[in-house]
Amino acid sequence: MTPGHRAAMAFQYNTLVRADHRGRSLGLLVKAVNLQLLAATNPAVRRVHTWNAGENAHMLAINEHIGFARASTEGVWQRRLG
């Protein structure tokens, strides 16, 4: 997704692979093809933002393999009341 007001930036949201199809490099392929399509259709984009849960080591490794660099870390806390 590219926000209309910032042509040089895009967001790559979820990369989902069904559990019974994992382990076949589908996440890597989906992400790589998405980036190729983005470059072909939106050549002004220079920065792509994506994110993953810290415990998702597999997808974090894919992001690093493709060339993404960690820019920030976010923490979320929860307390159940009642």
PDB file of N, CA and C in Angstrom:
ATOM      1  N   MET A   1       0.843  -1.172   0.000  1.00  0.00           N
ATOM      2  CA  MET A   1       0.000   0.000   0.000  1.00  0.00           C
ATOM      3  C   MET A   1       0.889   1.235   0.000  1.00  0.00           C
ATOM      4  N   THR A   2       0.570   2.183  -0.836  1.00  0.00           N
ATOM      5  CA  THR A   2       1.308   3.440  -0.861  1.00  0.00           C
ATOM      6  C   THR A   2       0.366   4.563  -0.450  1.00  0.00           C
ATOM      7  N   PRO A   3       0.729   5.299   0.593  1.00  0.00           N
ATOM      8  CA  PRO A   3      -0.120   6.426   0.988  1.00  0.00           C
ATOM      9  C   PRO A   3      -0.046   7.525  -0.065  1.00  0.00           C
ATOM     10  N   GLY A   4      -1.183   8.062  -0.441  1.00  0.00           N
ATOM     11  CA  GLY A   4      -1.245   9.042  -1.513  1.00  0.00           C
ATOM     12  C   GLY A   4      -0.398  10.275  -1.292  1.00  0.00           C
ATOM     13  N   HIS A   5      -0.216  10.682  -0.064  1.00  0.00           N
ATOM     14  CA  HIS A   5       0.525  11.908   0.224  1.00  0.00           C
ATOM     15  C   HIS A   5       2.036  11.692   0.308  1.00  0.00           C
ATOM     16  N   ARG A   6       2.511  10.457   0.255  1.00  0.00           N
ATOM     17  CA  ARG A   6       3.950  10.175   0.354  1.00  0.00           C
ATOM     18  C   ARG A   6       4.329   9.137  -0.697  1.00  0.00           C
ATOM     19  N   ALA A   7       4.552   9.593  -1.905  1.00  0.00           N
ATOM     20  CA  ALA A   7       4.789   8.692  -3.033  1.00  0.00           C
ATOM     21  C   ALA A   7       6.064   7.862  -2.878  1.00  0.00           C
ATOM     22  N   ALA A   8       7.018   8.305  -2.080  1.00  0.00           N
ATOM     23  CA  ALA A   8       8.290   7.589  -1.956  1.00  0.00           C
ATOM     24  C   ALA A   8       8.251   6.513  -0.873  1.00  0.00           C
ATOM     25  N   MET A   9       7.094   6.303  -0.224  1.00  0.00           N
ATOM     26  CA  MET A   9       7.002   5.358   0.884  1.00  0.00           C
ATOM     27  C   MET A   9       5.857   4.380   0.644  1.00  0.00           C
ATOM     28  N   ALA A  10       6.054   3.134   1.067  1.00  0.00           N
ATOM     29  CA  ALA A  10       5.004   2.121   0.962  1.00  0.00           C
ATOM     30  C   ALA A  10       5.019   1.266   2.220  1.00  0.00           C
ATOM     31  N   PHE A  11       3.907   0.597   2.467  1.00  0.00           N
ATOM     32  CA  PHE A  11       3.774  -0.323   3.590  1.00  0.00           C
ATOM     33  C   PHE A  11       3.497  -1.721   3.055  1.00  0.00           C
ATOM     34  N   GLN A  12       4.220  -2.696   3.541  1.00  0.00           N
ATOM     35  CA  GLN A  12       3.954  -4.090   3.202  1.00  0.00           C
ATOM     36  C   GLN A  12       3.399  -4.718   4.460  1.00  0.00           C
ATOM     37  N   TYR A  13       2.103  -4.969   4.438  1.00  0.00           N
ATOM     38  CA  TYR A  13       1.424  -5.492   5.625  1.00  0.00           C
ATOM     39  C   TYR A  13       1.680  -6.988   5.785  1.00  0.00           C
ATOM     40  N   ASN A  14       0.695  -7.754   6.057  1.00  0.00           N
ATOM     41  CA  ASN A  14       0.850  -9.165   6.416  1.00  0.00           C
ATOM     42  C   ASN A  14       1.298 -10.043   5.251  1.00  0.00           C
ATOM     43  N   THR A  15       2.172 -10.972   5.569  1.00  0.00           N
ATOM     44  CA  THR A  15       2.542 -12.045   4.652  1.00  0.00           C
ATOM     45  C   THR A  15       2.066 -13.326   5.316  1.00  0.00           C
ATOM     46  N   LEU A  16       1.007 -13.899   4.783  1.00  0.00           N
ATOM     47  CA  LEU A  16       0.384 -15.053   5.431  1.00  0.00           C
ATOM     48  C   LEU A  16       0.603 -16.319   4.612  1.00  0.00           C
ATOM     49  N   VAL A  17       0.989 -17.384   5.310  1.00  0.00           N
ATOM     50  CA  VAL A  17       1.126 -18.703   4.695  1.00  0.00           C
ATOM     51  C   VAL A  17       0.415 -19.689   5.616  1.00  0.00           C
ATOM     52  N   ARG A  18      -0.492 -20.452   5.047  1.00  0.00           N
ATOM     53  CA  ARG A  18      -1.205 -21.452   5.853  1.00  0.00           C
ATOM     54  C   ARG A  18      -0.213 -22.405   6.501  1.00  0.00           C
ATOM     55  N   ALA A  19      -0.536 -22.828   7.720  1.00  0.00           N
ATOM     56  CA  ALA A  19       0.370 -23.687   8.485  1.00  0.00           C
ATOM     57  C   ALA A  19       0.777 -24.940   7.714  1.00  0.00           C
ATOM     58  N   ASP A  20      -0.150 -25.549   6.977  1.00  0.00           N
ATOM     59  CA  ASP A  20       0.180 -26.787   6.263  1.00  0.00           C
ATOM     60  C   ASP A  20       1.014 -26.554   5.006  1.00  0.00           C
ATOM     61  N   HIS A  21       1.297 -25.292   4.672  1.00  0.00           N
ATOM     62  CA  HIS A  21       2.148 -24.978   3.516  1.00  0.00           C
ATOM     63  C   HIS A  21       3.462 -24.310   3.923  1.00  0.00           C
ATOM     64  N   ARG A  22       3.692 -24.172   5.210  1.00  0.00           N
ATOM     65  CA  ARG A  22       4.926 -23.528   5.676  1.00  0.00           C
ATOM     66  C   ARG A  22       6.125 -24.433   5.462  1.00  0.00           C
ATOM     67  N   GLY A  23       7.295 -23.792   5.420  1.00  0.00           N
ATOM     68  CA  GLY A  23       8.524 -24.554   5.236  1.00  0.00           C
ATOM     69  C   GLY A  23       8.886 -24.769   3.773  1.00  0.00           C
ATOM     70  N   ARG A  24       8.205 -24.079   2.865  1.00  0.00           N
ATOM     71  CA  ARG A  24       8.461 -24.238   1.428  1.00  0.00           C
ATOM     72  C   ARG A  24       8.921 -22.924   0.791  1.00  0.00           C
ATOM     73  N   SER A  25       9.363 -21.989   1.598  1.00  0.00           N
ATOM     74  CA  SER A  25       9.843 -20.675   1.137  1.00  0.00           C
ATOM     75  C   SER A  25       8.755 -19.814   0.516  1.00  0.00           C
ATOM     76  N   LEU A  26       7.485 -20.110   0.802  1.00  0.00           N
ATOM     77  CA  LEU A  26       6.396 -19.324   0.224  1.00  0.00           C
ATOM     78  C   LEU A  26       6.381 -17.895   0.759  1.00  0.00           C
ATOM     79  N   GLY A  27       6.671 -17.696   2.046  1.00  0.00           N
ATOM     80  CA  GLY A  27       6.726 -16.347   2.613  1.00  0.00           C
ATOM     81  C   GLY A  27       7.774 -15.500   1.902  1.00  0.00           C
ATOM     82  N   LEU A  28       8.934 -16.082   1.685  1.00  0.00           N
ATOM     83  CA  LEU A  28      10.007 -15.382   0.962  1.00  0.00           C
ATOM     84  C   LEU A  28       9.572 -15.053  -0.465  1.00  0.00           C
ATOM     85  N   LEU A  29       8.980 -16.009  -1.145  1.00  0.00           N
ATOM     86  CA  LEU A  29       8.557 -15.794  -2.532  1.00  0.00           C
ATOM     87  C   LEU A  29       7.469 -14.723  -2.625  1.00  0.00           C
ATOM     88  N   VAL A  30       6.486 -14.785  -1.739  1.00  0.00           N
ATOM     89  CA  VAL A  30       5.406 -13.797  -1.754  1.00  0.00           C
ATOM     90  C   VAL A  30       5.975 -12.403  -1.520  1.00  0.00           C
ATOM     91  N   LYS A  31       6.849 -12.281  -0.546  1.00  0.00           N
ATOM     92  CA  LYS A  31       7.409 -10.973  -0.226  1.00  0.00           C
ATOM     93  C   LYS A  31       8.279 -10.449  -1.377  1.00  0.00           C
ATOM     94  N   ALA A  32       9.081 -11.311  -1.981  1.00  0.00           N
ATOM     95  CA  ALA A  32       9.952 -10.903  -3.082  1.00  0.00           C
ATOM     96  C   ALA A  32       9.132 -10.477  -4.306  1.00  0.00           C
ATOM     97  N   VAL A  33       8.103 -11.240  -4.653  1.00  0.00           N
ATOM     98  CA  VAL A  33       7.265 -10.887  -5.802  1.00  0.00           C
ATOM     99  C   VAL A  33       6.526  -9.584  -5.530  1.00  0.00           C
ATOM    100  N   ASN A  34       6.048  -9.391  -4.294  1.00  0.00           N
ATOM    101  CA  ASN A  34       5.388  -8.138  -3.920  1.00  0.00           C
ATOM    102  C   ASN A  34       6.320  -6.950  -4.144  1.00  0.00           C
ATOM    103  N   LEU A  35       7.574  -7.086  -3.727  1.00  0.00           N
ATOM    104  CA  LEU A  35       8.535  -5.995  -3.889  1.00  0.00           C
ATOM    105  C   LEU A  35       8.855  -5.738  -5.355  1.00  0.00           C
ATOM    106  N   GLN A  36       8.937  -6.794  -6.162  1.00  0.00           N
ATOM    107  CA  GLN A  36       9.165  -6.622  -7.602  1.00  0.00           C
ATOM    108  C   GLN A  36       7.986  -5.897  -8.249  1.00  0.00           C
ATOM    109  N   LEU A  37       6.770  -6.285  -7.894  1.00  0.00           N
ATOM    110  CA  LEU A  37       5.578  -5.638  -8.437  1.00  0.00           C
ATOM    111  C   LEU A  37       5.511  -4.177  -8.009  1.00  0.00           C
ATOM    112  N   LEU A  38       5.848  -3.920  -6.761  1.00  0.00           N
ATOM    113  CA  LEU A  38       5.863  -2.544  -6.264  1.00  0.00           C
ATOM    114  C   LEU A  38       6.856  -1.694  -7.060  1.00  0.00           C
ATOM    115  N   ALA A  39       8.048  -2.209  -7.289  1.00  0.00           N
ATOM    116  CA  ALA A  39       9.066  -1.466  -8.040  1.00  0.00           C
ATOM    117  C   ALA A  39       8.617  -1.192  -9.471  1.00  0.00           C
ATOM    118  N   ALA A  40       7.921  -2.156 -10.074  1.00  0.00           N
ATOM    119  CA  ALA A  40       7.474  -1.992 -11.455  1.00  0.00           C
ATOM    120  C   ALA A  40       6.306  -1.010 -11.577  1.00  0.00           C
ATOM    121  N   THR A  41       5.422  -1.004 -10.581  1.00  0.00           N
ATOM    122  CA  THR A  41       4.209  -0.180 -10.674  1.00  0.00           C
ATOM    123  C   THR A  41       4.323   1.158  -9.962  1.00  0.00           C
ATOM    124  N   ASN A  42       5.272   1.274  -9.036  1.00  0.00           N
ATOM    125  CA  ASN A  42       5.455   2.509  -8.262  1.00  0.00           C
ATOM    126  C   ASN A  42       6.943   2.827  -8.164  1.00  0.00           C
ATOM    127  N   PRO A  43       7.580   3.205  -9.263  1.00  0.00           N
ATOM    128  CA  PRO A  43       9.029   3.412  -9.253  1.00  0.00           C
ATOM    129  C   PRO A  43       9.498   4.544  -8.340  1.00  0.00           C
ATOM    130  N   ALA A  44       8.596   5.413  -7.886  1.00  0.00           N
ATOM    131  CA  ALA A  44       8.991   6.506  -6.990  1.00  0.00           C
ATOM    132  C   ALA A  44       9.240   6.026  -5.561  1.00  0.00           C
ATOM    133  N   VAL A  45       8.760   4.835  -5.224  1.00  0.00           N
ATOM    134  CA  VAL A  45       8.907   4.320  -3.855  1.00  0.00           C
ATOM    135  C   VAL A  45      10.369   4.039  -3.564  1.00  0.00           C
ATOM    136  N   ARG A  46      10.860   4.591  -2.469  1.00  0.00           N
ATOM    137  CA  ARG A  46      12.244   4.407  -2.044  1.00  0.00           C
ATOM    138  C   ARG A  46      12.353   3.751  -0.669  1.00  0.00           C
ATOM    139  N   ARG A  47      11.239   3.664   0.049  1.00  0.00           N
ATOM    140  CA  ARG A  47      11.254   3.109   1.400  1.00  0.00           C
ATOM    141  C   ARG A  47      10.009   2.259   1.597  1.00  0.00           C
ATOM    142  N   VAL A  48      10.211   1.036   2.091  1.00  0.00           N
ATOM    143  CA  VAL A  48       9.098   0.131   2.373  1.00  0.00           C
ATOM    144  C   VAL A  48       9.139  -0.211   3.847  1.00  0.00           C
ATOM    145  N   HIS A  49       8.021  -0.013   4.529  1.00  0.00           N
ATOM    146  CA  HIS A  49       7.902  -0.345   5.945  1.00  0.00           C
ATOM    147  C   HIS A  49       7.155  -1.671   6.083  1.00  0.00           C
ATOM    148  N   THR A  50       7.675  -2.546   6.914  1.00  0.00           N
ATOM    149  CA  THR A  50       7.009  -3.800   7.239  1.00  0.00           C
ATOM    150  C   THR A  50       7.280  -4.091   8.708  1.00  0.00           C
ATOM    151  N   TRP A  51       6.631  -5.065   9.274  1.00  0.00           N
ATOM    152  CA  TRP A  51       6.836  -5.372  10.694  1.00  0.00           C
ATOM    153  C   TRP A  51       6.459  -6.811  10.957  1.00  0.00           C
ATOM    154  N   ASN A  52       7.000  -7.321  12.059  1.00  0.00           N
ATOM    155  CA  ASN A  52       6.731  -8.688  12.489  1.00  0.00           C
ATOM    156  C   ASN A  52       6.825  -8.769  13.991  1.00  0.00           C
ATOM    157  N   ALA A  53       6.163  -9.761  14.538  1.00  0.00           N
ATOM    158  CA  ALA A  53       6.281 -10.037  15.962  1.00  0.00           C
ATOM    159  C   ALA A  53       7.705 -10.494  16.258  1.00  0.00           C
ATOM    160  N   GLY A  54       8.220 -10.081  17.393  1.00  0.00           N
ATOM    161  CA  GLY A  54       9.576 -10.447  17.782  1.00  0.00           C
ATOM    162  C   GLY A  54       9.803 -11.938  17.880  1.00  0.00           C
ATOM    163  N   GLU A  55       8.751 -12.706  18.172  1.00  0.00           N
ATOM    164  CA  GLU A  55       8.901 -14.161  18.293  1.00  0.00           C
ATOM    165  C   GLU A  55       8.825 -14.882  16.941  1.00  0.00           C
ATOM    166  N   ASN A  56       8.561 -14.138  15.856  1.00  0.00           N
ATOM    167  CA  ASN A  56       8.475 -14.749  14.527  1.00  0.00           C
ATOM    168  C   ASN A  56       9.854 -14.722  13.858  1.00  0.00           C
ATOM    169  N   ALA A  57      10.754 -15.529  14.389  1.00  0.00           N
ATOM    170  CA  ALA A  57      12.142 -15.539  13.922  1.00  0.00           C
ATOM    171  C   ALA A  57      12.247 -15.877  12.436  1.00  0.00           C
ATOM    172  N   HIS A  58      11.382 -16.742  11.947  1.00  0.00           N
ATOM    173  CA  HIS A  58      11.443 -17.142  10.547  1.00  0.00           C
ATOM    174  C   HIS A  58      11.193 -15.948   9.621  1.00  0.00           C
ATOM    175  N   MET A  59      10.121 -15.192   9.871  1.00  0.00           N
ATOM    176  CA  MET A  59       9.820 -14.048   8.999  1.00  0.00           C
ATOM    177  C   MET A  59      10.806 -12.911   9.224  1.00  0.00           C
ATOM    178  N   LEU A  60      11.307 -12.744  10.425  1.00  0.00           N
ATOM    179  CA  LEU A  60      12.342 -11.741  10.654  1.00  0.00           C
ATOM    180  C   LEU A  60      13.588 -12.075   9.833  1.00  0.00           C
ATOM    181  N   ALA A  61      13.937 -13.353   9.768  1.00  0.00           N
ATOM    182  CA  ALA A  61      15.089 -13.776   8.960  1.00  0.00           C
ATOM    183  C   ALA A  61      14.840 -13.527   7.475  1.00  0.00           C
ATOM    184  N   ILE A  62      13.602 -13.762   7.020  1.00  0.00           N
ATOM    185  CA  ILE A  62      13.255 -13.478   5.622  1.00  0.00           C
ATOM    186  C   ILE A  62      13.427 -11.994   5.344  1.00  0.00           C
ATOM    187  N   ASN A  63      12.912 -11.147   6.235  1.00  0.00           N
ATOM    188  CA  ASN A  63      13.037  -9.697   6.035  1.00  0.00           C
ATOM    189  C   ASN A  63      14.507  -9.285   5.942  1.00  0.00           C
ATOM    190  N   GLU A  64      15.334  -9.800   6.818  1.00  0.00           N
ATOM    191  CA  GLU A  64      16.758  -9.464   6.786  1.00  0.00           C
ATOM    192  C   GLU A  64      17.403  -9.991   5.507  1.00  0.00           C
ATOM    193  N   HIS A  65      17.026 -11.182   5.082  1.00  0.00           N
ATOM    194  CA  HIS A  65      17.571 -11.778   3.858  1.00  0.00           C
ATOM    195  C   HIS A  65      17.242 -10.916   2.633  1.00  0.00           C
ATOM    196  N   ILE A  66      16.043 -10.365   2.595  1.00  0.00           N
ATOM    197  CA  ILE A  66      15.621  -9.525   1.471  1.00  0.00           C
ATOM    198  C   ILE A  66      16.290  -8.150   1.522  1.00  0.00           C
ATOM    199  N   GLY A  67      16.756  -7.744   2.691  1.00  0.00           N
ATOM    200  CA  GLY A  67      17.446  -6.460   2.790  1.00  0.00           C
ATOM    201  C   GLY A  67      16.798  -5.441   3.695  1.00  0.00           C
ATOM    202  N   PHE A  68      15.731  -5.829   4.395  1.00  0.00           N
ATOM    203  CA  PHE A  68      15.125  -4.919   5.367  1.00  0.00           C
ATOM    204  C   PHE A  68      16.056  -4.778   6.565  1.00  0.00           C
ATOM    205  N   ALA A  69      16.050  -3.608   7.169  1.00  0.00           N
ATOM    206  CA  ALA A  69      16.842  -3.351   8.382  1.00  0.00           C
ATOM    207  C   ALA A  69      15.890  -2.930   9.494  1.00  0.00           C
ATOM    208  N   ARG A  70      16.148  -3.402  10.695  1.00  0.00           N
ATOM    209  CA  ARG A  70      15.298  -3.052  11.829  1.00  0.00           C
ATOM    210  C   ARG A  70      15.402  -1.557  12.104  1.00  0.00           C
ATOM    211  N   ALA A  71      14.251  -0.917  12.192  1.00  0.00           N
ATOM    212  CA  ALA A  71      14.214   0.528  12.423  1.00  0.00           C
ATOM    213  C   ALA A  71      13.700   0.860  13.819  1.00  0.00           C
ATOM    214  N   SER A  72      12.887  -0.013  14.386  1.00  0.00           N
ATOM    215  CA  SER A  72      12.349   0.259  15.718  1.00  0.00           C
ATOM    216  C   SER A  72      11.798  -1.024  16.321  1.00  0.00           C
ATOM    217  N   THR A  73      11.517  -0.958  17.601  1.00  0.00           N
ATOM    218  CA  THR A  73      10.911  -2.061  18.331  1.00  0.00           C
ATOM    219  C   THR A  73       9.733  -1.505  19.113  1.00  0.00           C
ATOM    220  N   GLU A  74       8.658  -2.263  19.151  1.00  0.00           N
ATOM    221  CA  GLU A  74       7.465  -1.830  19.874  1.00  0.00           C
ATOM    222  C   GLU A  74       7.096  -2.900  20.885  1.00  0.00           C
ATOM    223  N   GLY A  75       6.705  -2.483  22.056  1.00  0.00           N
ATOM    224  CA  GLY A  75       6.259  -3.415  23.082  1.00  0.00           C
ATOM    225  C   GLY A  75       4.805  -3.155  23.439  1.00  0.00           C
ATOM    226  N   VAL A  76       4.097  -4.220  23.699  1.00  0.00           N
ATOM    227  CA  VAL A  76       2.698  -4.104  24.095  1.00  0.00           C
ATOM    228  C   VAL A  76       2.514  -4.900  25.377  1.00  0.00           C
ATOM    229  N   TRP A  77       1.850  -4.292  26.332  1.00  0.00           N
ATOM    230  CA  TRP A  77       1.607  -4.935  27.620  1.00  0.00           C
ATOM    231  C   TRP A  77       0.108  -5.076  27.822  1.00  0.00           C
ATOM    232  N   GLN A  78      -0.272  -6.091  28.580  1.00  0.00           N
ATOM    233  CA  GLN A  78      -1.679  -6.324  28.847  1.00  0.00           C
ATOM    234  C   GLN A  78      -1.862  -6.711  30.298  1.00  0.00           C
ATOM    235  N   ARG A  79      -2.922  -6.198  30.889  1.00  0.00           N
ATOM    236  CA  ARG A  79      -3.295  -6.606  32.241  1.00  0.00           C
ATOM    237  C   ARG A  79      -4.766  -6.898  32.241  1.00  0.00           C
ATOM    238  N   ARG A  80      -5.120  -8.071  32.680  1.00  0.00           N
ATOM    239  CA  ARG A  80      -6.534  -8.454  32.751  1.00  0.00           C
ATOM    240  C   ARG A  80      -7.124  -7.935  34.054  1.00  0.00           C
ATOM    241  N   LEU A  81      -8.263  -7.309  33.955  1.00  0.00           N
ATOM    242  CA  LEU A  81      -8.951  -6.746  35.123  1.00  0.00           C
ATOM    243  C   LEU A  81     -10.147  -7.621  35.471  1.00  0.00           C
ATOM    244  N   GLY A  82     -10.455  -7.627  36.747  1.00  0.00           N
ATOM    245  CA  GLY A  82     -11.675  -8.320  37.185  1.00  0.00           C
ATOM    246  C   GLY A  82     -11.407  -9.726  37.473  1.00  0.00           C
TER     247      GLY A  82
END
